[in-house]
C-alpha atoms as a PDB file:
ATOM      1  CA  MET A   1       1.581  -1.511  12.838  1.00  0.00           C
ATOM      2  CA  ASN A   2       2.060   2.217  12.429  1.00  0.00           C
ATOM      3  CA  ASN A   3       3.133   4.133  15.509  1.00  0.00           C
ATOM      4  CA  ASN A   4       1.991   7.478  14.156  1.00  0.00           C
ATOM      5  CA  THR A   5      -1.309   8.685  12.810  1.00  0.00           C
ATOM      6  CA  ASP A   6       0.317  10.831  10.088  1.00  0.00           C
ATOM      7  CA  GLN A   7       0.871   8.862   6.904  1.00  0.00           C
ATOM      8  CA  VAL A   8       4.137   9.579   5.116  1.00  0.00           C
ATOM      9  CA  ASP A   9       4.133  10.321   1.377  1.00  0.00           C
ATOM     10  CA  TYR A  10       5.947   7.495  -0.425  1.00  0.00           C
ATOM     11  CA  ASN A  11       6.706   9.943  -3.246  1.00  0.00           C
ATOM     12  CA  GLY A  12       8.296  12.303  -0.723  1.00  0.00           C
ATOM     13  CA  ALA A  13      12.016  12.985  -0.592  1.00  0.00           C
ATOM     14  CA  ALA A  14      14.501  11.062   1.540  1.00  0.00           C
ATOM     15  CA  ILE A  15      18.239  11.623   1.915  1.00  0.00           C
ATOM     16  CA  VAL A  16      20.479   8.653   1.093  1.00  0.00           C
ATOM     17  CA  CYS A  17      24.194   8.624   1.887  1.00  0.00           C
ATOM     18  CA  PRO A  18      26.442   8.141  -1.156  1.00  0.00           C
ATOM     19  CA  HIS A  19      27.569   4.716   0.069  1.00  0.00           C
ATOM     20  CA  VAL A  20      24.011   3.364   0.347  1.00  0.00           C
ATOM     21  CA  ALA A  21      23.413   4.521  -3.220  1.00  0.00           C
ATOM     22  CA  LYS A  22      26.013   1.930  -4.259  1.00  0.00           C
ATOM     23  CA  PRO A  23      24.905  -1.715  -4.444  1.00  0.00           C
ATOM     24  CA  ASP A  24      27.557  -2.970  -1.982  1.00  0.00           C
ATOM     25  CA  TYR A  25      26.444  -0.916   1.035  1.00  0.00           C
ATOM     26  CA  PRO A  26      23.337  -1.804   3.046  1.00  0.00           C
ATOM     27  CA  ILE A  27      21.301   0.711   5.029  1.00  0.00           C
ATOM     28  CA  LEU A  28      22.319   0.245   8.671  1.00  0.00           C
ATOM     29  CA  ARG A  29      20.948   3.468  10.169  1.00  0.00           C
ATOM     30  CA  ALA A  30      17.810   5.497   9.532  1.00  0.00           C
ATOM     31  CA  GLU A  31      16.899   8.778  11.198  1.00  0.00           C
ATOM     32  CA  ARG A  32      13.770  10.862  10.871  1.00  0.00           C
ATOM     33  CA  ASP A  33      14.000  14.607  11.434  1.00  0.00           C
ATOM     34  CA  GLU A  34      11.207  17.144  11.237  1.00  0.00           C
ATOM     35  CA  PRO A  35      10.499  17.681   7.522  1.00  0.00           C
ATOM     36  CA  THR A  36      11.649  21.088   6.316  1.00  0.00           C
ATOM     37  CA  MET A  37       9.236  21.387   3.383  1.00  0.00           C
ATOM     38  CA  ALA A  38       6.093  19.688   2.064  1.00  0.00           C
ATOM     39  CA  GLU A  39       7.904  17.205  -0.199  1.00  0.00           C
ATOM     40  CA  ASP A  40      10.383  16.219   2.534  1.00  0.00           C
ATOM     41  CA  THR A  41       9.684  13.059   4.575  1.00  0.00           C
ATOM     42  CA  GLY A  42      12.409  13.897   7.092  1.00  0.00           C
ATOM     43  CA  TRP A  43      14.054  10.494   6.583  1.00  0.00           C
ATOM     44  CA  GLN A  44      17.794   9.972   6.161  1.00  0.00           C
ATOM     45  CA  PHE A  45      19.201   6.544   5.303  1.00  0.00           C
ATOM     46  CA  LEU A  46      22.838   5.858   6.090  1.00  0.00           C
ATOM     47  CA  CYS A  47      25.432   3.100   5.816  1.00  0.00           C
ATOM     48  CA  ASN A  48      26.650   3.808   9.390  1.00  0.00           C
ATOM     49  CA  THR A  49      30.224   2.852   8.505  1.00  0.00           C
ATOM     50  CA  ALA A  50      33.317   4.679   9.634  1.00  0.00           C
ATOM     51  CA  GLU A  51      33.942   5.880   6.084  1.00  0.00           C
ATOM     52  CA  SER A  52      33.788   9.618   5.611  1.00  0.00           C
ATOM     53  CA  GLU A  53      30.686  11.062   4.039  1.00  0.00           C
ATOM     54  CA  SER A  54      30.090  14.458   2.540  1.00  0.00           C
ATOM     55  CA  GLU A  55      26.697  16.158   2.601  1.00  0.00           C
ATOM     56  CA  ASN A  56      27.436  17.308  -0.939  1.00  0.00           C
ATOM     57  CA  GLU A  57      27.558  13.698  -2.125  1.00  0.00           C
ATOM     58  CA  ALA A  58      24.258  12.644  -0.537  1.00  0.00           C
ATOM     59  CA  GLN A  59      21.452  11.737  -2.902  1.00  0.00           C
ATOM     60  CA  VAL A  60      17.742  12.470  -2.784  1.00  0.00           C
ATOM     61  CA  TRP A  61      15.522   9.466  -3.456  1.00  0.00           C
ATOM     62  CA  ALA A  62      11.767   9.043  -3.275  1.00  0.00           C
ATOM     63  CA  LEU A  63      10.860   7.137  -0.111  1.00  0.00           C
ATOM     64  CA  SER A  64       9.335   4.439  -2.345  1.00  0.00           C
ATOM     65  CA  GLU A  65      12.783   3.892  -3.933  1.00  0.00           C
ATOM     66  CA  VAL A  66      14.326   3.433  -0.492  1.00  0.00           C
ATOM     67  CA  ILE A  67      11.646   0.885   0.458  1.00  0.00           C
ATOM     68  CA  GLU A  68      12.195  -0.936  -2.830  1.00  0.00           C
ATOM     69  CA  HIS A  69      15.927  -1.010  -2.028  1.00  0.00           C
ATOM     70  CA  GLU A  70      15.331  -2.090   1.605  1.00  0.00           C
ATOM     71  CA  PRO A  71      11.808  -3.492   2.190  1.00  0.00           C
ATOM     72  CA  SER A  72      12.418  -4.145   5.905  1.00  0.00           C
ATOM     73  CA  LEU A  73      12.093  -0.385   6.529  1.00  0.00           C
ATOM     74  CA  ALA A  74       8.454  -0.251   5.369  1.00  0.00           C
ATOM     75  CA  GLU A  75       7.009  -0.932   8.817  1.00  0.00           C
ATOM     76  CA  PHE A  76       8.826   2.098  10.278  1.00  0.00           C
ATOM     77  CA  VAL A  77       8.211   4.872   7.719  1.00  0.00           C
ATOM     78  CA  ASN A  78       5.285   6.367   9.642  1.00  0.00           C
ATOM     79  CA  TYR A  79       7.210   6.612  12.912  1.00  0.00           C
ATOM     80  CA  PRO A  80       7.462  10.239  14.059  1.00  0.00           C
ATOM     81  CA  PRO A  81      10.375  12.635  13.759  1.00  0.00           C
ATOM     82  CA  GLY A  82      13.033  11.799  16.331  1.00  0.00           C
ATOM     83  CA  THR A  83      12.980   8.109  15.452  1.00  0.00           C
ATOM     84  CA  VAL A  84      16.373   6.448  14.992  1.00  0.00           C
ATOM     85  CA  LEU A  85      16.716   2.895  13.666  1.00  0.00           C
ATOM     86  CA  VAL A  86      19.931   0.879  13.672  1.00  0.00           C
ATOM     87  CA  ARG A  87      21.036  -2.645  12.890  1.00  0.00           C
ATOM     88  CA  GLU A  88      24.371  -4.445  12.910  1.00  0.00           C
ATOM     89  CA  ASN A  89      24.250  -5.815   9.369  1.00  0.00           C
ATOM     90  CA  GLN A  90      21.760  -6.252   6.548  1.00  0.00           C
ATOM     91  CA  ASN A  91      20.485  -9.526   8.027  1.00  0.00           C
ATOM     92  CA  SER A  92      19.898  -8.097  11.521  1.00  0.00           C
ATOM     93  CA  GLN A  93      16.591  -6.875  12.908  1.00  0.00           C
ATOM     94  CA  TRP A  94      16.082  -3.127  13.254  1.00  0.00           C
ATOM     95  CA  ALA A  95      16.373  -1.652  16.750  1.00  0.00           C
ATOM     96  CA  VAL A  96      14.486   1.545  17.557  1.00  0.00           C
ATOM     97  CA  LEU A  97      16.830   3.713  19.629  1.00  0.00           C
ATOM     98  CA  ALA A  98      14.900   6.939  19.909  1.00  0.00           C
ATOM     99  CA  PRO A  99      11.558   7.193  21.631  1.00  0.00           C
ATOM    100  CA  HIS A 100       8.466   6.880  19.507  1.00  0.00           C
ATOM    101  CA  ARG A 101       4.794   7.163  20.335  1.00  0.00           C
ATOM    102  CA  SER A 102       3.209   4.026  21.734  1.00  0.00           C
ATOM    103  CA  PRO A 103       0.040   2.818  20.020  1.00  0.00           C
ATOM    104  CA  SER A 104      -3.162   4.174  21.496  1.00  0.00           C
ATOM    105  CA  ILE A 105      -5.688   1.780  22.995  1.00  0.00           C
ATOM    106  CA  ASN A 106      -7.673   1.912  19.739  1.00  0.00           C
ATOM    107  CA  GLU A 107      -4.608   0.831  17.747  1.00  0.00           C
ATOM    108  CA  ARG A 108      -3.709  -2.153  19.921  1.00  0.00           C
ATOM    109  CA  PRO A 109      -4.703  -5.643  18.753  1.00  0.00           C
END
């Protein structure tokens, strides 16, 4: 179920930390900021490890590439800016830490 009425563009840009771009690092944190331009989804996908990361080493992927890499994120992509998702390991369920809009009465089952 989507918790936002705005549909994100799966061809839009997402920031991926350099560790997640490697096959050995799962995505353990996802944050959505306000998009800064039309092609920006606002999403950042991070390994959430203690290893140092440099903004200069981050990669830009299409959101569809991120979902292909980690399908469990698909249900969250339309959550609004301010959303933060975390999990302990790649087999854990996602926890939503930041507030997000509750479904309206018309969206409830």
